[in-house]
Amino acid sequence: MYVVRIKEVEGKLVVKNSKPCDNCIKLMRLFNVKRVFYTNDDGEFVCEKVKSDKLTNRLSAAFRIQNPGNFWRIKK
């Protein structure tokens, strides 16, 4: 699976960090996704195994904005 986040900054499109959040990783595991490729802050692709512990303990900014003070996570 590939995940890319692009944002417009001063009229230019910039590749941003798109590391998947905990909820997304749990869903990927549920659907048996083996690897995820995502962009880092330098605009480079990073490849991680979905079962890797490097992908845990991250909530998306959108989740934190939509759920202030409510840090529930999808349970498997």
PDB file of N, CA and C in Angstrom:
ATOM      1  N   MET A   1       0.841  -1.163   0.000  1.00  0.00           N
ATOM      2  CA  MET A   1       0.000   0.000   0.000  1.00  0.00           C
ATOM      3  C   MET A   1       0.893   1.235   0.000  1.00  0.00           C
ATOM      4  N   TYR A   2       0.496   2.246  -0.780  1.00  0.00           N
ATOM      5  CA  TYR A   2       1.214   3.514  -0.841  1.00  0.00           C
ATOM      6  C   TYR A   2       0.360   4.615  -0.217  1.00  0.00           C
ATOM      7  N   VAL A   3       1.000   5.449   0.613  1.00  0.00           N
ATOM      8  CA  VAL A   3       0.312   6.568   1.254  1.00  0.00           C
ATOM      9  C   VAL A   3       1.149   7.823   0.998  1.00  0.00           C
ATOM     10  N   VAL A   4       0.521   8.847   0.423  1.00  0.00           N
ATOM     11  CA  VAL A   4       1.228  10.101   0.120  1.00  0.00           C
ATOM     12  C   VAL A   4       0.362  11.258   0.598  1.00  0.00           C
ATOM     13  N   ARG A   5       0.992  12.231   1.211  1.00  0.00           N
ATOM     14  CA  ARG A   5       0.290  13.434   1.663  1.00  0.00           C
ATOM     15  C   ARG A   5       0.917  14.624   0.953  1.00  0.00           C
ATOM     16  N   ILE A   6       0.085  15.378   0.255  1.00  0.00           N
ATOM     17  CA  ILE A   6       0.560  16.548  -0.483  1.00  0.00           C
ATOM     18  C   ILE A   6      -0.181  17.776   0.026  1.00  0.00           C
ATOM     19  N   LYS A   7       0.558  18.833   0.285  1.00  0.00           N
ATOM     20  CA  LYS A   7      -0.027  20.061   0.808  1.00  0.00           C
ATOM     21  C   LYS A   7       0.465  21.235  -0.028  1.00  0.00           C
ATOM     22  N   GLU A   8      -0.399  22.207  -0.219  1.00  0.00           N
ATOM     23  CA  GLU A   8       0.010  23.413  -0.932  1.00  0.00           C
ATOM     24  C   GLU A   8       0.603  24.403   0.068  1.00  0.00           C
ATOM     25  N   VAL A   9       1.835  24.821  -0.202  1.00  0.00           N
ATOM     26  CA  VAL A   9       2.536  25.776   0.646  1.00  0.00           C
ATOM     27  C   VAL A   9       3.058  26.892  -0.245  1.00  0.00           C
ATOM     28  N   GLU A  10       2.573  28.094  -0.013  1.00  0.00           N
ATOM     29  CA  GLU A  10       2.983  29.270  -0.794  1.00  0.00           C
ATOM     30  C   GLU A  10       2.835  29.027  -2.294  1.00  0.00           C
ATOM     31  N   GLY A  11       1.734  28.399  -2.686  1.00  0.00           N
ATOM     32  CA  GLY A  11       1.434  28.167  -4.088  1.00  0.00           C
ATOM     33  C   GLY A  11       2.143  26.979  -4.717  1.00  0.00           C
ATOM     34  N   LYS A  12       2.932  26.258  -3.924  1.00  0.00           N
ATOM     35  CA  LYS A  12       3.647  25.087  -4.445  1.00  0.00           C
ATOM     36  C   LYS A  12       3.149  23.839  -3.743  1.00  0.00           C
ATOM     37  N   LEU A  13       3.101  22.726  -4.485  1.00  0.00           N
ATOM     38  CA  LEU A  13       2.729  21.454  -3.887  1.00  0.00           C
ATOM     39  C   LEU A  13       3.958  20.821  -3.241  1.00  0.00           C
ATOM     40  N   VAL A  14       3.810  20.452  -1.968  1.00  0.00           N
ATOM     41  CA  VAL A  14       4.914  19.905  -1.190  1.00  0.00           C
ATOM     42  C   VAL A  14       4.496  18.542  -0.637  1.00  0.00           C
ATOM     43  N   VAL A  15       5.380  17.561  -0.762  1.00  0.00           N
ATOM     44  CA  VAL A  15       5.118  16.236  -0.196  1.00  0.00           C
ATOM     45  C   VAL A  15       5.410  16.297   1.296  1.00  0.00           C
ATOM     46  N   LYS A  16       4.467  15.839   2.103  1.00  0.00           N
ATOM     47  CA  LYS A  16       4.585  15.885   3.558  1.00  0.00           C
ATOM     48  C   LYS A  16       4.651  14.478   4.137  1.00  0.00           C
ATOM     49  N   ASN A  17       4.917  14.401   5.433  1.00  0.00           N
ATOM     50  CA  ASN A  17       4.963  13.122   6.132  1.00  0.00           C
ATOM     51  C   ASN A  17       3.579  12.469   6.106  1.00  0.00           C
ATOM     52  N   SER A  18       3.518  11.231   5.631  1.00  0.00           N
ATOM     53  CA  SER A  18       2.237  10.526   5.542  1.00  0.00           C
ATOM     54  C   SER A  18       2.275   9.193   6.287  1.00  0.00           C
ATOM     55  N   LYS A  19       3.124   9.118   7.319  1.00  0.00           N
ATOM     56  CA  LYS A  19       3.217   7.883   8.097  1.00  0.00           C
ATOM     57  C   LYS A  19       1.837   7.541   8.656  1.00  0.00           C
ATOM     58  N   PRO A  20       1.371   6.313   8.436  1.00  0.00           N
ATOM     59  CA  PRO A  20       0.020   5.946   8.873  1.00  0.00           C
ATOM     60  C   PRO A  20      -0.129   5.975  10.401  1.00  0.00           C
ATOM     61  N   CYS A  21      -1.315   6.340  10.848  1.00  0.00           N
ATOM     62  CA  CYS A  21      -1.608   6.380  12.279  1.00  0.00           C
ATOM     63  C   CYS A  21      -1.930   4.967  12.787  1.00  0.00           C
ATOM     64  N   ASP A  22      -2.059   4.840  14.090  1.00  0.00           N
ATOM     65  CA  ASP A  22      -2.352   3.541  14.704  1.00  0.00           C
ATOM     66  C   ASP A  22      -3.624   2.908  14.161  1.00  0.00           C
ATOM     67  N   ASN A  23      -4.667   3.729  13.997  1.00  0.00           N
ATOM     68  CA  ASN A  23      -5.937   3.186  13.499  1.00  0.00           C
ATOM     69  C   ASN A  23      -5.786   2.641  12.081  1.00  0.00           C
ATOM     70  N   CYS A  24      -5.045   3.343  11.254  1.00  0.00           N
ATOM     71  CA  CYS A  24      -4.822   2.874   9.878  1.00  0.00           C
ATOM     72  C   CYS A  24      -4.006   1.582   9.864  1.00  0.00           C
ATOM     73  N   ILE A  25      -2.981   1.514  10.711  1.00  0.00           N
ATOM     74  CA  ILE A  25      -2.152   0.313  10.782  1.00  0.00           C
ATOM     75  C   ILE A  25      -2.990  -0.883  11.224  1.00  0.00           C
ATOM     76  N   LYS A  26      -3.850  -0.688  12.201  1.00  0.00           N
ATOM     77  CA  LYS A  26      -4.697  -1.793  12.660  1.00  0.00           C
ATOM     78  C   LYS A  26      -5.622  -2.273  11.552  1.00  0.00           C
ATOM     79  N   LEU A  27      -6.140  -1.339  10.764  1.00  0.00           N
ATOM     80  CA  LEU A  27      -6.994  -1.733   9.639  1.00  0.00           C
ATOM     81  C   LEU A  27      -6.181  -2.457   8.564  1.00  0.00           C
ATOM     82  N   MET A  28      -4.944  -1.994   8.317  1.00  0.00           N
ATOM     83  CA  MET A  28      -4.087  -2.681   7.343  1.00  0.00           C
ATOM     84  C   MET A  28      -3.809  -4.111   7.795  1.00  0.00           C
ATOM     85  N   ARG A  29      -3.548  -4.272   9.084  1.00  0.00           N
ATOM     86  CA  ARG A  29      -3.311  -5.619   9.614  1.00  0.00           C
ATOM     87  C   ARG A  29      -4.563  -6.482   9.470  1.00  0.00           C
ATOM     88  N   LEU A  30      -5.709  -5.889   9.746  1.00  0.00           N
ATOM     89  CA  LEU A  30      -6.977  -6.616   9.626  1.00  0.00           C
ATOM     90  C   LEU A  30      -7.188  -7.112   8.198  1.00  0.00           C
ATOM     91  N   PHE A  31      -6.787  -6.311   7.214  1.00  0.00           N
ATOM     92  CA  PHE A  31      -6.948  -6.684   5.803  1.00  0.00           C
ATOM     93  C   PHE A  31      -5.693  -7.350   5.231  1.00  0.00           C
ATOM     94  N   ASN A  32      -4.784  -7.731   6.123  1.00  0.00           N
ATOM     95  CA  ASN A  32      -3.602  -8.518   5.750  1.00  0.00           C
ATOM     96  C   ASN A  32      -2.655  -7.808   4.776  1.00  0.00           C
ATOM     97  N   VAL A  33      -2.545  -6.493   4.903  1.00  0.00           N
ATOM     98  CA  VAL A  33      -1.563  -5.738   4.116  1.00  0.00           C
ATOM     99  C   VAL A  33      -0.194  -6.035   4.713  1.00  0.00           C
ATOM    100  N   LYS A  34       0.760  -6.388   3.889  1.00  0.00           N
ATOM    101  CA  LYS A  34       2.086  -6.795   4.371  1.00  0.00           C
ATOM    102  C   LYS A  34       3.064  -5.633   4.541  1.00  0.00           C
ATOM    103  N   ARG A  35       3.049  -4.698   3.567  1.00  0.00           N
ATOM    104  CA  ARG A  35       3.992  -3.569   3.593  1.00  0.00           C
ATOM    105  C   ARG A  35       3.251  -2.275   3.271  1.00  0.00           C
ATOM    106  N   VAL A  36       3.786  -1.195   3.827  1.00  0.00           N
ATOM    107  CA  VAL A  36       3.246   0.124   3.517  1.00  0.00           C
ATOM    108  C   VAL A  36       4.420   1.023   3.116  1.00  0.00           C
ATOM    109  N   PHE A  37       4.224   1.771   2.050  1.00  0.00           N
ATOM    110  CA  PHE A  37       5.186   2.773   1.593  1.00  0.00           C
ATOM    111  C   PHE A  37       4.560   4.133   1.882  1.00  0.00           C
ATOM    112  N   TYR A  38       5.263   4.986   2.587  1.00  0.00           N
ATOM    113  CA  TYR A  38       4.737   6.311   2.913  1.00  0.00           C
ATOM    114  C   TYR A  38       5.837   7.346   2.736  1.00  0.00           C
ATOM    115  N   THR A  39       5.454   8.594   2.626  1.00  0.00           N
ATOM    116  CA  THR A  39       6.430   9.662   2.446  1.00  0.00           C
ATOM    117  C   THR A  39       6.852  10.228   3.799  1.00  0.00           C
ATOM    118  N   ASN A  40       8.129  10.611   3.887  1.00  0.00           N
ATOM    119  CA  ASN A  40       8.621  11.246   5.113  1.00  0.00           C
ATOM    120  C   ASN A  40       8.691  12.761   4.906  1.00  0.00           C
ATOM    121  N   ASP A  41       9.236  13.481   5.885  1.00  0.00           N
ATOM    122  CA  ASP A  41       9.308  14.948   5.800  1.00  0.00           C
ATOM    123  C   ASP A  41      10.220  15.446   4.687  1.00  0.00           C
ATOM    124  N   ASP A  42      11.102  14.578   4.190  1.00  0.00           N
ATOM    125  CA  ASP A  42      12.014  14.952   3.105  1.00  0.00           C
ATOM    126  C   ASP A  42      11.442  14.630   1.735  1.00  0.00           C
ATOM    127  N   GLY A  43      10.194  14.110   1.695  1.00  0.00           N
ATOM    128  CA  GLY A  43       9.567  13.767   0.425  1.00  0.00           C
ATOM    129  C   GLY A  43      10.017  12.433  -0.142  1.00  0.00           C
ATOM    130  N   GLU A  44      10.720  11.655   0.664  1.00  0.00           N
ATOM    131  CA  GLU A  44      11.194  10.349   0.226  1.00  0.00           C
ATOM    132  C   GLU A  44      10.220   9.260   0.658  1.00  0.00           C
ATOM    133  N   PHE A  45      10.170   8.169  -0.119  1.00  0.00           N
ATOM    134  CA  PHE A  45       9.341   7.036   0.281  1.00  0.00           C
ATOM    135  C   PHE A  45      10.090   6.168   1.284  1.00  0.00           C
ATOM    136  N   VAL A  46       9.361   5.722   2.299  1.00  0.00           N
ATOM    137  CA  VAL A  46       9.874   4.813   3.312  1.00  0.00           C
ATOM    138  C   VAL A  46       9.029   3.552   3.220  1.00  0.00           C
ATOM    139  N   CYS A  47       9.656   2.389   3.312  1.00  0.00           N
ATOM    140  CA  CYS A  47       8.938   1.121   3.285  1.00  0.00           C
ATOM    141  C   CYS A  47       9.045   0.467   4.657  1.00  0.00           C
ATOM    142  N   GLU A  48       7.903   0.071   5.224  1.00  0.00           N
ATOM    143  CA  GLU A  48       7.883  -0.628   6.504  1.00  0.00           C
ATOM    144  C   GLU A  48       6.982  -1.842   6.390  1.00  0.00           C
ATOM    145  N   LYS A  49       7.340  -2.878   7.113  1.00  0.00           N
ATOM    146  CA  LYS A  49       6.424  -4.005   7.244  1.00  0.00           C
ATOM    147  C   LYS A  49       5.313  -3.574   8.182  1.00  0.00           C
ATOM    148  N   VAL A  50       4.082  -3.886   7.832  1.00  0.00           N
ATOM    149  CA  VAL A  50       2.934  -3.444   8.629  1.00  0.00           C
ATOM    150  C   VAL A  50       3.001  -4.020  10.040  1.00  0.00           C
ATOM    151  N   LYS A  51       3.580  -5.184  10.214  1.00  0.00           N
ATOM    152  CA  LYS A  51       3.674  -5.769  11.553  1.00  0.00           C
ATOM    153  C   LYS A  51       4.792  -5.143  12.396  1.00  0.00           C
ATOM    154  N   SER A  52       5.573  -4.236  11.825  1.00  0.00           N
ATOM    155  CA  SER A  52       6.684  -3.592  12.519  1.00  0.00           C
ATOM    156  C   SER A  52       6.199  -2.717  13.679  1.00  0.00           C
ATOM    157  N   ASP A  53       6.956  -2.737  14.773  1.00  0.00           N
ATOM    158  CA  ASP A  53       6.633  -1.887  15.924  1.00  0.00           C
ATOM    159  C   ASP A  53       6.961  -0.415  15.667  1.00  0.00           C
ATOM    160  N   LYS A  54       7.704  -0.115  14.601  1.00  0.00           N
ATOM    161  CA  LYS A  54       8.045   1.274  14.279  1.00  0.00           C
ATOM    162  C   LYS A  54       6.810   2.074  13.877  1.00  0.00           C
ATOM    163  N   LEU A  55       5.728   1.400  13.538  1.00  0.00           N
ATOM    164  CA  LEU A  55       4.534   2.082  13.048  1.00  0.00           C
ATOM    165  C   LEU A  55       3.483   2.319  14.130  1.00  0.00           C
ATOM    166  N   THR A  56       3.817   2.098  15.387  1.00  0.00           N
ATOM    167  CA  THR A  56       2.819   2.247  16.446  1.00  0.00           C
ATOM    168  C   THR A  56       2.962   3.576  17.174  1.00  0.00           C
ATOM    169  N   ASN A  57       2.002   3.856  18.032  1.00  0.00           N
ATOM    170  CA  ASN A  57       1.980   5.053  18.883  1.00  0.00           C
ATOM    171  C   ASN A  57       1.943   6.353  18.093  1.00  0.00           C
ATOM    172  N   ARG A  58       1.045   6.391  17.126  1.00  0.00           N
ATOM    173  CA  ARG A  58       0.890   7.606  16.330  1.00  0.00           C
ATOM    174  C   ARG A  58      -0.584   7.820  16.025  1.00  0.00           C
ATOM    175  N   LEU A  59      -1.098   8.967  16.418  1.00  0.00           N
ATOM    176  CA  LEU A  59      -2.458   9.362  16.065  1.00  0.00           C
ATOM    177  C   LEU A  59      -2.368  10.452  15.017  1.00  0.00           C
ATOM    178  N   SER A  60      -3.216  10.401  14.023  1.00  0.00           N
ATOM    179  CA  SER A  60      -3.185  11.417  12.972  1.00  0.00           C
ATOM    180  C   SER A  60      -3.629  12.765  13.521  1.00  0.00           C
ATOM    181  N   ALA A  61      -3.174  13.825  12.872  1.00  0.00           N
ATOM    182  CA  ALA A  61      -3.584  15.176  13.267  1.00  0.00           C
ATOM    183  C   ALA A  61      -5.084  15.335  13.115  1.00  0.00           C
ATOM    184  N   ALA A  62      -5.651  14.779  12.054  1.00  0.00           N
ATOM    185  CA  ALA A  62      -7.096  14.871  11.840  1.00  0.00           C
ATOM    186  C   ALA A  62      -7.855  14.193  12.978  1.00  0.00           C
ATOM    187  N   PHE A  63      -7.386  13.050  13.425  1.00  0.00           N
ATOM    188  CA  PHE A  63      -8.034  12.353  14.531  1.00  0.00           C
ATOM    189  C   PHE A  63      -7.973  13.191  15.805  1.00  0.00           C
ATOM    190  N   ARG A  64      -6.805  13.784  16.096  1.00  0.00           N
ATOM    191  CA  ARG A  64      -6.666  14.593  17.311  1.00  0.00           C
ATOM    192  C   ARG A  64      -7.558  15.828  17.266  1.00  0.00           C
ATOM    193  N   ILE A  65      -7.724  16.431  16.084  1.00  0.00           N
ATOM    194  CA  ILE A  65      -8.585  17.610  15.949  1.00  0.00           C
ATOM    195  C   ILE A  65     -10.056  17.231  16.121  1.00  0.00           C
ATOM    196  N   GLN A  66     -10.452  16.115  15.530  1.00  0.00           N
ATOM    197  CA  GLN A  66     -11.855  15.692  15.581  1.00  0.00           C
ATOM    198  C   GLN A  66     -12.243  15.096  16.923  1.00  0.00           C
ATOM    199  N   ASN A  67     -11.269  14.635  17.706  1.00  0.00           N
ATOM    200  CA  ASN A  67     -11.557  13.966  18.972  1.00  0.00           C
ATOM    201  C   ASN A  67     -10.704  14.524  20.107  1.00  0.00           C
ATOM    202  N   PRO A  68     -10.838  15.805  20.417  1.00  0.00           N
ATOM    203  CA  PRO A  68      -9.985  16.370  21.470  1.00  0.00           C
ATOM    204  C   PRO A  68     -10.252  15.684  22.808  1.00  0.00           C
ATOM    205  N   GLY A  69      -9.182  15.211  23.436  1.00  0.00           N
ATOM    206  CA  GLY A  69      -9.308  14.568  24.732  1.00  0.00           C
ATOM    207  C   GLY A  69      -9.839  13.144  24.677  1.00  0.00           C
ATOM    208  N   ASN A  70     -10.226  12.681  23.491  1.00  0.00           N
ATOM    209  CA  ASN A  70     -10.764  11.328  23.348  1.00  0.00           C
ATOM    210  C   ASN A  70      -9.784  10.512  22.519  1.00  0.00           C
ATOM    211  N   PHE A  71      -8.900   9.810  23.163  1.00  0.00           N
ATOM    212  CA  PHE A  71      -7.849   9.105  22.454  1.00  0.00           C
ATOM    213  C   PHE A  71      -8.116   7.604  22.357  1.00  0.00           C
ATOM    214  N   TRP A  72      -9.336   7.240  22.009  1.00  0.00           N
ATOM    215  CA  TRP A  72      -9.658   5.837  21.774  1.00  0.00           C
ATOM    216  C   TRP A  72      -8.996   5.380  20.484  1.00  0.00           C
ATOM    217  N   ARG A  73      -8.804   4.100  20.378  1.00  0.00           N
ATOM    218  CA  ARG A  73      -8.203   3.535  19.181  1.00  0.00           C
ATOM    219  C   ARG A  73      -9.009   2.318  18.761  1.00  0.00           C
ATOM    220  N   ILE A  74      -8.945   1.995  17.503  1.00  0.00           N
ATOM    221  CA  ILE A  74      -9.623   0.805  17.002  1.00  0.00           C
ATOM    222  C   ILE A  74      -9.026  -0.409  17.664  1.00  0.00           C
ATOM    223  N   LYS A  75      -9.874  -1.255  18.209  1.00  0.00           N
ATOM    224  CA  LYS A  75      -9.399  -2.482  18.847  1.00  0.00           C
ATOM    225  C   LYS A  75      -9.566  -3.632  17.889  1.00  0.00           C
ATOM    226  N   LYS A  76      -8.574  -4.502  17.891  1.00  0.00           N
ATOM    227  CA  LYS A  76      -8.637  -5.663  17.000  1.00  0.00           C
ATOM    228  C   LYS A  76      -9.281  -6.821  17.718  1.00  0.00           C
TER     229      LYS A  76
END
